[in-house]
PDB file of N, CA and C in Angstrom:
ATOM      1  N   MET A   1     117.346 -36.623 138.930  1.00  0.00           N
ATOM      2  CA  MET A   1     118.584 -37.031 139.931  1.00  0.00           C
ATOM      3  C   MET A   1     119.435 -37.936 139.017  1.00  0.00           C
ATOM      4  N   ASP A   2     120.653 -37.927 139.030  1.00  0.00           N
ATOM      5  CA  ASP A   2     121.634 -38.697 138.319  1.00  0.00           C
ATOM      6  C   ASP A   2     122.581 -39.610 139.296  1.00  0.00           C
ATOM      7  N   PHE A   3     122.044 -40.818 139.536  1.00  0.00           N
ATOM      8  CA  PHE A   3     122.951 -41.560 140.574  1.00  0.00           C
ATOM      9  C   PHE A   3     124.067 -42.487 139.822  1.00  0.00           C
ATOM     10  N   SER A   4     124.016 -42.142 138.089  1.00  0.00           N
ATOM     11  CA  SER A   4     124.700 -43.090 137.530  1.00  0.00           C
ATOM     12  C   SER A   4     126.125 -43.553 138.078  1.00  0.00           C
ATOM     13  N   ALA A   5     126.855 -42.499 138.806  1.00  0.00           N
ATOM     14  CA  ALA A   5     128.260 -42.569 139.166  1.00  0.00           C
ATOM     15  C   ALA A   5     128.272 -43.694 140.312  1.00  0.00           C
ATOM     16  N   MET A   6     127.102 -43.808 141.271  1.00  0.00           N
ATOM     17  CA  MET A   6     126.841 -44.394 142.297  1.00  0.00           C
ATOM     18  C   MET A   6     127.792 -45.710 142.269  1.00  0.00           C
ATOM     19  N   PRO A   7     127.355 -46.862 141.497  1.00  0.00           N
ATOM     20  CA  PRO A   7     127.930 -48.000 141.652  1.00  0.00           C
ATOM     21  C   PRO A   7     129.535 -47.985 141.324  1.00  0.00           C
ATOM     22  N   LYS A   8     130.225 -47.147 140.793  1.00  0.00           N
ATOM     23  CA  LYS A   8     131.638 -47.286 140.595  1.00  0.00           C
ATOM     24  C   LYS A   8     132.488 -46.651 142.047  1.00  0.00           C
ATOM     25  N   LYS A   9     131.371 -45.809 142.747  1.00  0.00           N
ATOM     26  CA  LYS A   9     131.894 -45.423 144.072  1.00  0.00           C
ATOM     27  C   LYS A   9     131.715 -46.003 145.296  1.00  0.00           C
ATOM     28  N   ILE A  10     130.264 -46.657 145.122  1.00  0.00           N
ATOM     29  CA  ILE A  10     130.074 -47.566 146.212  1.00  0.00           C
ATOM     30  C   ILE A  10     131.169 -48.719 145.911  1.00  0.00           C
ATOM     31  N   ASN A  11     131.231 -49.317 145.273  1.00  0.00           N
ATOM     32  CA  ASN A  11     132.403 -50.560 144.730  1.00  0.00           C
ATOM     33  C   ASN A  11     133.655 -50.327 145.162  1.00  0.00           C
ATOM     34  N   LYS A  12     134.116 -48.974 144.874  1.00  0.00           N
ATOM     35  CA  LYS A  12     135.394 -48.346 145.459  1.00  0.00           C
ATOM     36  C   LYS A  12     135.317 -48.501 146.968  1.00  0.00           C
ATOM     37  N   VAL A  13     134.329 -47.880 147.662  1.00  0.00           N
ATOM     38  CA  VAL A  13     134.350 -48.097 149.162  1.00  0.00           C
ATOM     39  C   VAL A  13     134.141 -49.247 149.630  1.00  0.00           C
ATOM     40  N   LEU A  14     133.481 -50.269 149.005  1.00  0.00           N
ATOM     41  CA  LEU A  14     133.208 -51.800 149.337  1.00  0.00           C
ATOM     42  C   LEU A  14     134.542 -52.436 148.968  1.00  0.00           C
ATOM     43  N   ALA A  15     135.310 -52.449 148.297  1.00  0.00           N
ATOM     44  CA  ALA A  15     136.717 -52.851 147.977  1.00  0.00           C
ATOM     45  C   ALA A  15     137.522 -52.257 148.904  1.00  0.00           C
ATOM     46  N   GLU A  16     137.740 -50.840 149.453  1.00  0.00           N
ATOM     47  CA  GLU A  16     138.621 -50.408 150.323  1.00  0.00           C
ATOM     48  C   GLU A  16     138.231 -50.946 151.874  1.00  0.00           C
ATOM     49  N   SER A  17     137.059 -51.735 152.015  1.00  0.00           N
ATOM     50  CA  SER A  17     136.742 -51.611 153.476  1.00  0.00           C
ATOM     51  C   SER A  17     136.342 -53.050 153.812  1.00  0.00           C
ATOM     52  N   ARG A  18     137.423 -54.011 153.062  1.00  0.00           N
ATOM     53  CA  ARG A  18     137.591 -55.432 153.302  1.00  0.00           C
ATOM     54  C   ARG A  18     137.397 -55.634 154.686  1.00  0.00           C
ATOM     55  N   SER A  19     138.083 -55.227 155.771  1.00  0.00           N
ATOM     56  CA  SER A  19     138.308 -55.423 156.900  1.00  0.00           C
ATOM     57  C   SER A  19     137.534 -54.753 157.859  1.00  0.00           C
ATOM     58  N   THR A  20     137.032 -53.834 157.346  1.00  0.00           N
ATOM     59  CA  THR A  20     135.832 -52.941 158.011  1.00  0.00           C
ATOM     60  C   THR A  20     134.738 -52.760 157.377  1.00  0.00           C
ATOM     61  N   LYS A  21     133.725 -52.442 158.006  1.00  0.00           N
ATOM     62  CA  LYS A  21     132.165 -52.142 157.427  1.00  0.00           C
ATOM     63  C   LYS A  21     132.157 -50.808 157.137  1.00  0.00           C
ATOM     64  N   PRO A  22     131.910 -50.387 155.974  1.00  0.00           N
ATOM     65  CA  PRO A  22     131.684 -48.920 155.851  1.00  0.00           C
ATOM     66  C   PRO A  22     130.231 -48.309 156.156  1.00  0.00           C
ATOM     67  N   ILE A  23     130.392 -47.202 156.793  1.00  0.00           N
ATOM     68  CA  ILE A  23     129.279 -46.632 157.559  1.00  0.00           C
ATOM     69  C   ILE A  23     129.059 -45.332 156.290  1.00  0.00           C
ATOM     70  N   ILE A  24     127.737 -45.357 155.759  1.00  0.00           N
ATOM     71  CA  ILE A  24     127.383 -44.136 155.068  1.00  0.00           C
ATOM     72  C   ILE A  24     126.160 -43.415 156.029  1.00  0.00           C
ATOM     73  N   ILE A  25     126.071 -42.158 156.140  1.00  0.00           N
ATOM     74  CA  ILE A  25     125.307 -41.414 156.677  1.00  0.00           C
ATOM     75  C   ILE A  25     124.980 -40.208 155.768  1.00  0.00           C
ATOM     76  N   VAL A  26     123.777 -40.210 155.520  1.00  0.00           N
ATOM     77  CA  VAL A  26     123.007 -39.419 154.289  1.00  0.00           C
ATOM     78  C   VAL A  26     122.387 -38.077 155.222  1.00  0.00           C
ATOM     79  N   LEU A  27     122.734 -36.925 154.882  1.00  0.00           N
ATOM     80  CA  LEU A  27     122.023 -36.024 155.564  1.00  0.00           C
ATOM     81  C   LEU A  27     122.073 -34.754 154.453  1.00  0.00           C
ATOM     82  N   GLY A  28     120.861 -33.941 154.885  1.00  0.00           N
ATOM     83  CA  GLY A  28     120.719 -32.836 153.767  1.00  0.00           C
ATOM     84  C   GLY A  28     119.205 -32.322 154.146  1.00  0.00           C
ATOM     85  N   MET A  29     119.194 -30.945 152.953  1.00  0.00           N
ATOM     86  CA  MET A  29     117.968 -30.100 153.766  1.00  0.00           C
ATOM     87  C   MET A  29     116.941 -31.097 153.235  1.00  0.00           C
ATOM     88  N   ALA A  30     115.651 -30.707 153.438  1.00  0.00           N
ATOM     89  CA  ALA A  30     114.328 -31.171 152.871  1.00  0.00           C
ATOM     90  C   ALA A  30     114.243 -31.161 151.503  1.00  0.00           C
ATOM     91  N   GLY A  31     113.944 -32.212 150.863  1.00  0.00           N
ATOM     92  CA  GLY A  31     113.659 -32.073 149.417  1.00  0.00           C
ATOM     93  C   GLY A  31     115.072 -32.323 148.571  1.00  0.00           C
ATOM     94  N   SER A  32     116.025 -32.570 149.252  1.00  0.00           N
ATOM     95  CA  SER A  32     117.462 -32.695 148.515  1.00  0.00           C
ATOM     96  C   SER A  32     117.585 -33.886 147.973  1.00  0.00           C
ATOM     97  N   GLY A  33     117.007 -35.129 148.413  1.00  0.00           N
ATOM     98  CA  GLY A  33     116.958 -36.248 147.520  1.00  0.00           C
ATOM     99  C   GLY A  33     117.521 -37.456 148.531  1.00  0.00           C
ATOM    100  N   LYS A  34     117.469 -37.226 149.933  1.00  0.00           N
ATOM    101  CA  LYS A  34     118.127 -38.182 150.555  1.00  0.00           C
ATOM    102  C   LYS A  34     117.360 -39.316 150.452  1.00  0.00           C
ATOM    103  N   THR A  35     116.243 -39.575 150.728  1.00  0.00           N
ATOM    104  CA  THR A  35     115.535 -40.776 150.458  1.00  0.00           C
ATOM    105  C   THR A  35     115.500 -41.129 149.126  1.00  0.00           C
ATOM    106  N   THR A  36     115.504 -40.769 148.100  1.00  0.00           N
ATOM    107  CA  THR A  36     115.898 -41.206 146.665  1.00  0.00           C
ATOM    108  C   THR A  36     116.941 -41.944 146.697  1.00  0.00           C
ATOM    109  N   PHE A  37     118.132 -41.203 147.018  1.00  0.00           N
ATOM    110  CA  PHE A  37     119.458 -41.674 147.207  1.00  0.00           C
ATOM    111  C   PHE A  37     119.474 -42.990 148.074  1.00  0.00           C
ATOM    112  N   VAL A  38     119.163 -42.917 149.142  1.00  0.00           N
ATOM    113  CA  VAL A  38     118.857 -44.301 150.010  1.00  0.00           C
ATOM    114  C   VAL A  38     118.264 -45.261 149.308  1.00  0.00           C
ATOM    115  N   LYS A  39     117.119 -45.094 148.756  1.00  0.00           N
ATOM    116  CA  LYS A  39     116.157 -45.994 147.887  1.00  0.00           C
ATOM    117  C   LYS A  39     117.041 -46.761 146.584  1.00  0.00           C
ATOM    118  N   VAL A  40     117.822 -45.712 146.058  1.00  0.00           N
ATOM    119  CA  VAL A  40     118.749 -46.441 144.613  1.00  0.00           C
ATOM    120  C   VAL A  40     119.924 -47.121 145.585  1.00  0.00           C
ATOM    121  N   LEU A  41     120.325 -46.844 146.476  1.00  0.00           N
ATOM    122  CA  LEU A  41     121.597 -47.425 146.959  1.00  0.00           C
ATOM    123  C   LEU A  41     121.252 -48.773 147.590  1.00  0.00           C
ATOM    124  N   CYS A  42     120.008 -48.805 148.365  1.00  0.00           N
ATOM    125  CA  CYS A  42     119.499 -49.946 148.535  1.00  0.00           C
ATOM    126  C   CYS A  42     119.268 -51.010 147.387  1.00  0.00           C
ATOM    127  N   LYS A  43     118.490 -50.553 146.611  1.00  0.00           N
ATOM    128  CA  LYS A  43     118.619 -51.386 145.320  1.00  0.00           C
ATOM    129  C   LYS A  43     119.864 -51.774 144.996  1.00  0.00           C
ATOM    130  N   TYR A  44     120.677 -51.096 144.860  1.00  0.00           N
ATOM    131  CA  TYR A  44     122.149 -51.138 143.895  1.00  0.00           C
ATOM    132  C   TYR A  44     122.615 -52.383 144.835  1.00  0.00           C
ATOM    133  N   LEU A  45     122.881 -52.393 146.406  1.00  0.00           N
ATOM    134  CA  LEU A  45     123.209 -53.155 147.310  1.00  0.00           C
ATOM    135  C   LEU A  45     122.711 -54.496 146.965  1.00  0.00           C
ATOM    136  N   GLN A  46     121.213 -54.608 146.894  1.00  0.00           N
ATOM    137  CA  GLN A  46     120.892 -55.654 146.954  1.00  0.00           C
ATOM    138  C   GLN A  46     121.068 -56.372 145.556  1.00  0.00           C
ATOM    139  N   SER A  47     121.454 -55.937 144.557  1.00  0.00           N
ATOM    140  CA  SER A  47     121.413 -56.410 143.068  1.00  0.00           C
ATOM    141  C   SER A  47     122.812 -57.044 142.997  1.00  0.00           C
ATOM    142  N   ILE A  48     123.971 -56.473 144.405  1.00  0.00           N
ATOM    143  CA  ILE A  48     125.093 -57.318 144.151  1.00  0.00           C
ATOM    144  C   ILE A  48     125.273 -58.016 145.413  1.00  0.00           C
ATOM    145  N   LYS A  49     124.078 -58.462 145.831  1.00  0.00           N
ATOM    146  CA  LYS A  49     124.014 -59.190 147.113  1.00  0.00           C
ATOM    147  C   LYS A  49     124.617 -58.757 148.160  1.00  0.00           C
ATOM    148  N   LYS A  50     124.649 -57.588 148.387  1.00  0.00           N
ATOM    149  CA  LYS A  50     125.365 -56.909 149.760  1.00  0.00           C
ATOM    150  C   LYS A  50     124.186 -56.706 150.891  1.00  0.00           C
ATOM    151  N   LYS A  51     124.319 -57.147 151.887  1.00  0.00           N
ATOM    152  CA  LYS A  51     123.256 -56.697 152.849  1.00  0.00           C
ATOM    153  C   LYS A  51     123.698 -55.337 153.491  1.00  0.00           C
ATOM    154  N   ALA A  52     122.722 -54.713 154.026  1.00  0.00           N
ATOM    155  CA  ALA A  52     123.171 -53.515 154.796  1.00  0.00           C
ATOM    156  C   ALA A  52     122.069 -53.395 155.818  1.00  0.00           C
ATOM    157  N   ILE A  53     122.449 -52.805 157.030  1.00  0.00           N
ATOM    158  CA  ILE A  53     121.553 -52.049 157.751  1.00  0.00           C
ATOM    159  C   ILE A  53     121.032 -50.831 157.417  1.00  0.00           C
ATOM    160  N   MET A  54     119.919 -50.842 157.245  1.00  0.00           N
ATOM    161  CA  MET A  54     119.182 -49.614 156.672  1.00  0.00           C
ATOM    162  C   MET A  54     118.579 -48.938 157.886  1.00  0.00           C
ATOM    163  N   ILE A  55     118.818 -47.596 158.362  1.00  0.00           N
ATOM    164  CA  ILE A  55     118.094 -46.863 159.305  1.00  0.00           C
ATOM    165  C   ILE A  55     117.459 -45.699 159.012  1.00  0.00           C
ATOM    166  N   ASN A  56     116.006 -45.556 159.108  1.00  0.00           N
ATOM    167  CA  ASN A  56     115.451 -44.167 158.789  1.00  0.00           C
ATOM    168  C   ASN A  56     115.268 -43.233 160.139  1.00  0.00           C
ATOM    169  N   LEU A  57     115.937 -42.007 160.140  1.00  0.00           N
ATOM    170  CA  LEU A  57     115.672 -41.206 161.145  1.00  0.00           C
ATOM    171  C   LEU A  57     114.841 -39.778 161.111  1.00  0.00           C
ATOM    172  N   ASP A  58     114.137 -40.166 159.858  1.00  0.00           N
ATOM    173  CA  ASP A  58     113.291 -39.024 159.396  1.00  0.00           C
ATOM    174  C   ASP A  58     111.900 -39.241 159.935  1.00  0.00           C
ATOM    175  N   PRO A  59     111.468 -38.706 161.139  1.00  0.00           N
ATOM    176  CA  PRO A  59     110.024 -39.136 161.758  1.00  0.00           C
ATOM    177  C   PRO A  59     109.041 -38.588 160.897  1.00  0.00           C
ATOM    178  N   ALA A  60     109.056 -37.649 159.878  1.00  0.00           N
ATOM    179  CA  ALA A  60     108.082 -37.193 158.955  1.00  0.00           C
ATOM    180  C   ALA A  60     108.260 -37.624 157.659  1.00  0.00           C
ATOM    181  N   VAL A  61     108.673 -38.496 157.042  1.00  0.00           N
ATOM    182  CA  VAL A  61     108.745 -39.058 155.857  1.00  0.00           C
ATOM    183  C   VAL A  61     107.582 -40.182 155.779  1.00  0.00           C
ATOM    184  N   ILE A  62     106.857 -39.966 154.799  1.00  0.00           N
ATOM    185  CA  ILE A  62     105.701 -40.710 154.697  1.00  0.00           C
ATOM    186  C   ILE A  62     105.982 -42.092 153.892  1.00  0.00           C
ATOM    187  N   GLU A  63     106.891 -41.998 153.223  1.00  0.00           N
ATOM    188  CA  GLU A  63     107.516 -43.605 152.443  1.00  0.00           C
ATOM    189  C   GLU A  63     108.830 -43.524 152.181  1.00  0.00           C
ATOM    190  N   THR A  64     109.294 -44.458 152.621  1.00  0.00           N
ATOM    191  CA  THR A  64     110.897 -44.411 152.444  1.00  0.00           C
ATOM    192  C   THR A  64     111.267 -44.993 150.923  1.00  0.00           C
ATOM    193  N   GLY A  65     110.734 -46.004 150.657  1.00  0.00           N
ATOM    194  CA  GLY A  65     110.826 -46.585 149.050  1.00  0.00           C
ATOM    195  C   GLY A  65     111.928 -47.760 149.412  1.00  0.00           C
ATOM    196  N   TYR A  66     112.092 -48.102 150.869  1.00  0.00           N
ATOM    197  CA  TYR A  66     112.852 -49.158 150.870  1.00  0.00           C
ATOM    198  C   TYR A  66     112.540 -49.787 152.398  1.00  0.00           C
ATOM    199  N   THR A  67     112.975 -50.969 152.854  1.00  0.00           N
ATOM    200  CA  THR A  67     112.431 -51.222 154.452  1.00  0.00           C
ATOM    201  C   THR A  67     113.693 -51.321 155.287  1.00  0.00           C
ATOM    202  N   PRO A  68     113.268 -50.024 156.201  1.00  0.00           N
ATOM    203  CA  PRO A  68     114.695 -49.769 157.072  1.00  0.00           C
ATOM    204  C   PRO A  68     114.354 -51.017 158.234  1.00  0.00           C
ATOM    205  N   ASP A  69     115.663 -51.309 158.693  1.00  0.00           N
ATOM    206  CA  ASP A  69     115.726 -52.215 159.868  1.00  0.00           C
ATOM    207  C   ASP A  69     115.725 -51.701 161.024  1.00  0.00           C
ATOM    208  N   PHE A  70     115.465 -50.254 161.074  1.00  0.00           N
ATOM    209  CA  PHE A  70     115.153 -49.858 162.569  1.00  0.00           C
ATOM    210  C   PHE A  70     114.740 -48.038 161.795  1.00  0.00           C
ATOM    211  N   ASP A  71     113.371 -47.918 162.260  1.00  0.00           N
ATOM    212  CA  ASP A  71     112.833 -46.664 161.769  1.00  0.00           C
ATOM    213  C   ASP A  71     112.231 -45.939 163.171  1.00  0.00           C
ATOM    214  N   ILE A  72     112.470 -44.667 162.948  1.00  0.00           N
ATOM    215  CA  ILE A  72     112.237 -43.671 164.194  1.00  0.00           C
ATOM    216  C   ILE A  72     110.924 -44.022 164.198  1.00  0.00           C
ATOM    217  N   ARG A  73     110.109 -43.916 163.051  1.00  0.00           N
ATOM    218  CA  ARG A  73     108.663 -43.745 162.961  1.00  0.00           C
ATOM    219  C   ARG A  73     107.919 -44.984 163.998  1.00  0.00           C
ATOM    220  N   GLU A  74     108.540 -45.912 164.164  1.00  0.00           N
ATOM    221  CA  GLU A  74     108.100 -47.373 164.912  1.00  0.00           C
ATOM    222  C   GLU A  74     107.792 -46.826 166.431  1.00  0.00           C
ATOM    223  N   SER A  75     109.062 -45.688 167.085  1.00  0.00           N
ATOM    224  CA  SER A  75     108.729 -45.454 168.179  1.00  0.00           C
ATOM    225  C   SER A  75     108.262 -43.990 168.541  1.00  0.00           C
ATOM    226  N   VAL A  76     108.319 -43.209 167.590  1.00  0.00           N
ATOM    227  CA  VAL A  76     107.886 -41.804 167.985  1.00  0.00           C
ATOM    228  C   VAL A  76     106.687 -41.346 166.643  1.00  0.00           C
ATOM    229  N   LYS A  77     105.644 -41.145 167.050  1.00  0.00           N
ATOM    230  CA  LYS A  77     104.790 -40.600 165.934  1.00  0.00           C
ATOM    231  C   LYS A  77     105.061 -39.257 165.922  1.00  0.00           C
ATOM    232  N   TYR A  78     105.290 -38.645 164.786  1.00  0.00           N
ATOM    233  CA  TYR A  78     105.622 -37.616 164.574  1.00  0.00           C
ATOM    234  C   TYR A  78     104.452 -36.654 164.727  1.00  0.00           C
ATOM    235  N   LYS A  79     103.167 -37.085 164.080  1.00  0.00           N
ATOM    236  CA  LYS A  79     102.131 -36.198 164.254  1.00  0.00           C
ATOM    237  C   LYS A  79     101.573 -35.911 165.728  1.00  0.00           C
ATOM    238  N   ASP A  80     101.821 -37.079 166.432  1.00  0.00           N
ATOM    239  CA  ASP A  80     101.459 -37.114 167.882  1.00  0.00           C
ATOM    240  C   ASP A  80     102.143 -35.899 168.667  1.00  0.00           C
ATOM    241  N   VAL A  81     103.258 -35.933 168.226  1.00  0.00           N
ATOM    242  CA  VAL A  81     104.446 -34.940 168.734  1.00  0.00           C
ATOM    243  C   VAL A  81     104.019 -33.472 168.322  1.00  0.00           C
ATOM    244  N   MET A  82     103.742 -33.224 167.249  1.00  0.00           N
ATOM    245  CA  MET A  82     103.018 -31.956 166.799  1.00  0.00           C
ATOM    246  C   MET A  82     101.799 -31.338 167.612  1.00  0.00           C
ATOM    247  N   ARG A  83     100.939 -32.208 167.933  1.00  0.00           N
ATOM    248  CA  ARG A  83      99.738 -32.217 168.604  1.00  0.00           C
ATOM    249  C   ARG A  83     100.018 -32.005 169.941  1.00  0.00           C
ATOM    250  N   ASP A  84     100.665 -32.941 170.743  1.00  0.00           N
ATOM    251  CA  ASP A  84     100.985 -33.074 172.001  1.00  0.00           C
ATOM    252  C   ASP A  84     101.829 -31.879 172.558  1.00  0.00           C
ATOM    253  N   TYR A  85     102.592 -31.511 171.896  1.00  0.00           N
ATOM    254  CA  TYR A  85     103.717 -30.356 172.312  1.00  0.00           C
ATOM    255  C   TYR A  85     103.250 -28.934 171.738  1.00  0.00           C
ATOM    256  N   LYS A  86     102.249 -29.024 170.952  1.00  0.00           N
ATOM    257  CA  LYS A  86     101.790 -27.807 170.254  1.00  0.00           C
ATOM    258  C   LYS A  86     102.764 -27.328 168.990  1.00  0.00           C
ATOM    259  N   LEU A  87     103.667 -28.179 168.289  1.00  0.00           N
ATOM    260  CA  LEU A  87     104.599 -27.514 167.572  1.00  0.00           C
ATOM    261  C   LEU A  87     104.327 -27.485 166.139  1.00  0.00           C
ATOM    262  N   GLY A  88     105.281 -27.009 165.409  1.00  0.00           N
ATOM    263  CA  GLY A  88     105.173 -26.876 164.158  1.00  0.00           C
ATOM    264  C   GLY A  88     105.819 -27.914 163.512  1.00  0.00           C
ATOM    265  N   PRO A  89     106.082 -27.927 161.963  1.00  0.00           N
ATOM    266  CA  PRO A  89     106.548 -29.631 161.576  1.00  0.00           C
ATOM    267  C   PRO A  89     108.148 -29.421 162.059  1.00  0.00           C
ATOM    268  N   ASN A  90     108.783 -28.253 161.885  1.00  0.00           N
ATOM    269  CA  ASN A  90     110.334 -28.505 162.213  1.00  0.00           C
ATOM    270  C   ASN A  90     110.488 -28.759 163.862  1.00  0.00           C
ATOM    271  N   GLY A  91     109.789 -28.063 164.571  1.00  0.00           N
ATOM    272  CA  GLY A  91     109.874 -28.222 166.093  1.00  0.00           C
ATOM    273  C   GLY A  91     109.480 -29.467 166.498  1.00  0.00           C
ATOM    274  N   ALA A  92     108.529 -30.274 165.491  1.00  0.00           N
ATOM    275  CA  ALA A  92     108.154 -31.549 165.840  1.00  0.00           C
ATOM    276  C   ALA A  92     109.427 -32.591 165.275  1.00  0.00           C
ATOM    277  N   ILE A  93     109.890 -32.425 164.119  1.00  0.00           N
ATOM    278  CA  ILE A  93     110.930 -33.181 163.723  1.00  0.00           C
ATOM    279  C   ILE A  93     112.192 -33.007 164.782  1.00  0.00           C
ATOM    280  N   MET A  94     112.704 -32.150 165.482  1.00  0.00           N
ATOM    281  CA  MET A  94     113.692 -31.824 166.498  1.00  0.00           C
ATOM    282  C   MET A  94     113.219 -32.374 167.639  1.00  0.00           C
ATOM    283  N   THR A  95     111.841 -32.246 168.263  1.00  0.00           N
ATOM    284  CA  THR A  95     111.597 -33.010 169.422  1.00  0.00           C
ATOM    285  C   THR A  95     111.536 -34.639 169.280  1.00  0.00           C
ATOM    286  N   SER A  96     110.963 -34.725 168.088  1.00  0.00           N
ATOM    287  CA  SER A  96     110.916 -36.422 167.631  1.00  0.00           C
ATOM    288  C   SER A  96     112.302 -37.074 167.840  1.00  0.00           C
ATOM    289  N   LEU A  97     113.381 -36.515 167.028  1.00  0.00           N
ATOM    290  CA  LEU A  97     114.700 -37.006 167.127  1.00  0.00           C
ATOM    291  C   LEU A  97     115.147 -36.957 168.633  1.00  0.00           C
ATOM    292  N   ASN A  98     114.677 -35.967 169.353  1.00  0.00           N
ATOM    293  CA  ASN A  98     115.284 -35.428 170.832  1.00  0.00           C
ATOM    294  C   ASN A  98     114.671 -36.789 171.609  1.00  0.00           C
ATOM    295  N   ILE A  99     113.500 -37.262 171.268  1.00  0.00           N
ATOM    296  CA  ILE A  99     112.579 -38.452 171.958  1.00  0.00           C
ATOM    297  C   ILE A  99     113.402 -39.874 171.656  1.00  0.00           C
ATOM    298  N   TYR A 100     113.569 -39.657 170.261  1.00  0.00           N
ATOM    299  CA  TYR A 100     114.421 -40.786 170.027  1.00  0.00           C
ATOM    300  C   TYR A 100     115.492 -41.455 170.556  1.00  0.00           C
ATOM    301  N   CYS A 101     116.301 -40.070 170.903  1.00  0.00           N
ATOM    302  CA  CYS A 101     117.876 -40.241 171.642  1.00  0.00           C
ATOM    303  C   CYS A 101     117.608 -41.118 173.060  1.00  0.00           C
ATOM    304  N   THR A 102     116.391 -40.939 173.562  1.00  0.00           N
ATOM    305  CA  THR A 102     116.490 -41.738 174.737  1.00  0.00           C
ATOM    306  C   THR A 102     116.398 -43.320 174.625  1.00  0.00           C
ATOM    307  N   HIS A 103     116.206 -43.566 173.046  1.00  0.00           N
ATOM    308  CA  HIS A 103     116.396 -45.303 172.845  1.00  0.00           C
ATOM    309  C   HIS A 103     117.766 -45.292 171.884  1.00  0.00           C
ATOM    310  N   LEU A 104     118.652 -44.378 172.190  1.00  0.00           N
ATOM    311  CA  LEU A 104     119.822 -44.272 171.183  1.00  0.00           C
ATOM    312  C   LEU A 104     120.702 -45.922 171.506  1.00  0.00           C
ATOM    313  N   SER A 105     120.833 -46.065 172.849  1.00  0.00           N
ATOM    314  CA  SER A 105     121.665 -47.229 173.379  1.00  0.00           C
ATOM    315  C   SER A 105     121.167 -48.367 172.681  1.00  0.00           C
ATOM    316  N   SER A 106     119.675 -48.728 172.839  1.00  0.00           N
ATOM    317  CA  SER A 106     119.471 -49.948 172.249  1.00  0.00           C
ATOM    318  C   SER A 106     119.846 -49.904 170.966  1.00  0.00           C
ATOM    319  N   LEU A 107     119.710 -49.064 169.847  1.00  0.00           N
ATOM    320  CA  LEU A 107     119.863 -48.823 168.612  1.00  0.00           C
ATOM    321  C   LEU A 107     121.424 -49.258 168.218  1.00  0.00           C
ATOM    322  N   ILE A 108     122.078 -48.523 169.077  1.00  0.00           N
ATOM    323  CA  ILE A 108     123.579 -48.836 168.966  1.00  0.00           C
ATOM    324  C   ILE A 108     123.911 -50.144 169.219  1.00  0.00           C
ATOM    325  N   ASP A 109     123.212 -50.496 170.200  1.00  0.00           N
ATOM    326  CA  ASP A 109     123.687 -52.294 170.500  1.00  0.00           C
ATOM    327  C   ASP A 109     123.094 -53.074 169.493  1.00  0.00           C
ATOM    328  N   LYS A 110     122.204 -52.779 168.857  1.00  0.00           N
ATOM    329  CA  LYS A 110     121.997 -53.666 167.716  1.00  0.00           C
ATOM    330  C   LYS A 110     122.563 -53.497 166.357  1.00  0.00           C
ATOM    331  N   ILE A 111     122.900 -52.406 166.061  1.00  0.00           N
ATOM    332  CA  ILE A 111     123.805 -52.071 164.950  1.00  0.00           C
ATOM    333  C   ILE A 111     125.508 -52.707 165.694  1.00  0.00           C
ATOM    334  N   LYS A 112     125.624 -52.633 166.577  1.00  0.00           N
ATOM    335  CA  LYS A 112     127.223 -53.265 166.744  1.00  0.00           C
ATOM    336  C   LYS A 112     126.987 -54.992 166.614  1.00  0.00           C
ATOM    337  N   ASN A 113     125.895 -55.234 167.038  1.00  0.00           N
ATOM    338  CA  ASN A 113     125.514 -56.961 166.837  1.00  0.00           C
ATOM    339  C   ASN A 113     124.668 -57.280 165.983  1.00  0.00           C
ATOM    340  N   PRO A 114     124.710 -57.105 165.127  1.00  0.00           N
ATOM    341  CA  PRO A 114     123.575 -57.114 163.923  1.00  0.00           C
ATOM    342  C   PRO A 114     123.394 -58.734 163.889  1.00  0.00           C
ATOM    343  N   ALA A 115     122.214 -58.804 163.052  1.00  0.00           N
ATOM    344  CA  ALA A 115     121.909 -60.426 162.590  1.00  0.00           C
ATOM    345  C   ALA A 115     123.117 -60.865 161.572  1.00  0.00           C
ATOM    346  N   SER A 116     123.295 -61.969 161.779  1.00  0.00           N
ATOM    347  CA  SER A 116     124.304 -62.591 161.083  1.00  0.00           C
ATOM    348  C   SER A 116     123.872 -62.391 159.292  1.00  0.00           C
ATOM    349  N   ASP A 117     123.029 -61.755 159.156  1.00  0.00           N
ATOM    350  CA  ASP A 117     122.714 -61.782 157.729  1.00  0.00           C
ATOM    351  C   ASP A 117     123.208 -60.611 156.928  1.00  0.00           C
ATOM    352  N   HIS A 118     123.872 -59.638 157.920  1.00  0.00           N
ATOM    353  CA  HIS A 118     124.096 -58.252 157.110  1.00  0.00           C
ATOM    354  C   HIS A 118     125.613 -58.517 157.241  1.00  0.00           C
ATOM    355  N   GLU A 119     126.008 -57.726 156.137  1.00  0.00           N
ATOM    356  CA  GLU A 119     127.670 -57.476 155.912  1.00  0.00           C
ATOM    357  C   GLU A 119     128.063 -56.359 156.417  1.00  0.00           C
TER     358      GLU A 119
END
C-alpha cells in the first residue's frame, strides 16, 4: 500500500483544524488495510509530535501494530463470544460490537475528557 501522500493530507487536516480537533474514522472490508493505515498514521503523528487518542474497535484483530488508548479486546473476548453464542466469525464480530456498545457512554466520556497529553 502506498501511503506516501498521507503526510501532505494529514498536515492539511491539522492546519485546517486549529480550533477543533480532527476525528478520523477508518472503516473498510476485512483485509482492506485499515490496521496498516492506522499504524502508519500513528507513526507519522508521533514523528511530528502530535498525540492522538487511538481506539481499536476490531475485536478479532490479533495485532494492531500500535498501542490503542481504548481497545474493545480488553472488554470483549471475541473467541469467547464465538463459543458462548455458538457463532461464526462474522456473527461474533457483530455480537462483540453490540456487547461493547453497552460500555459506549464510558468511552465517549473518556474521549470528551482526555488526559492532557492528547492534542
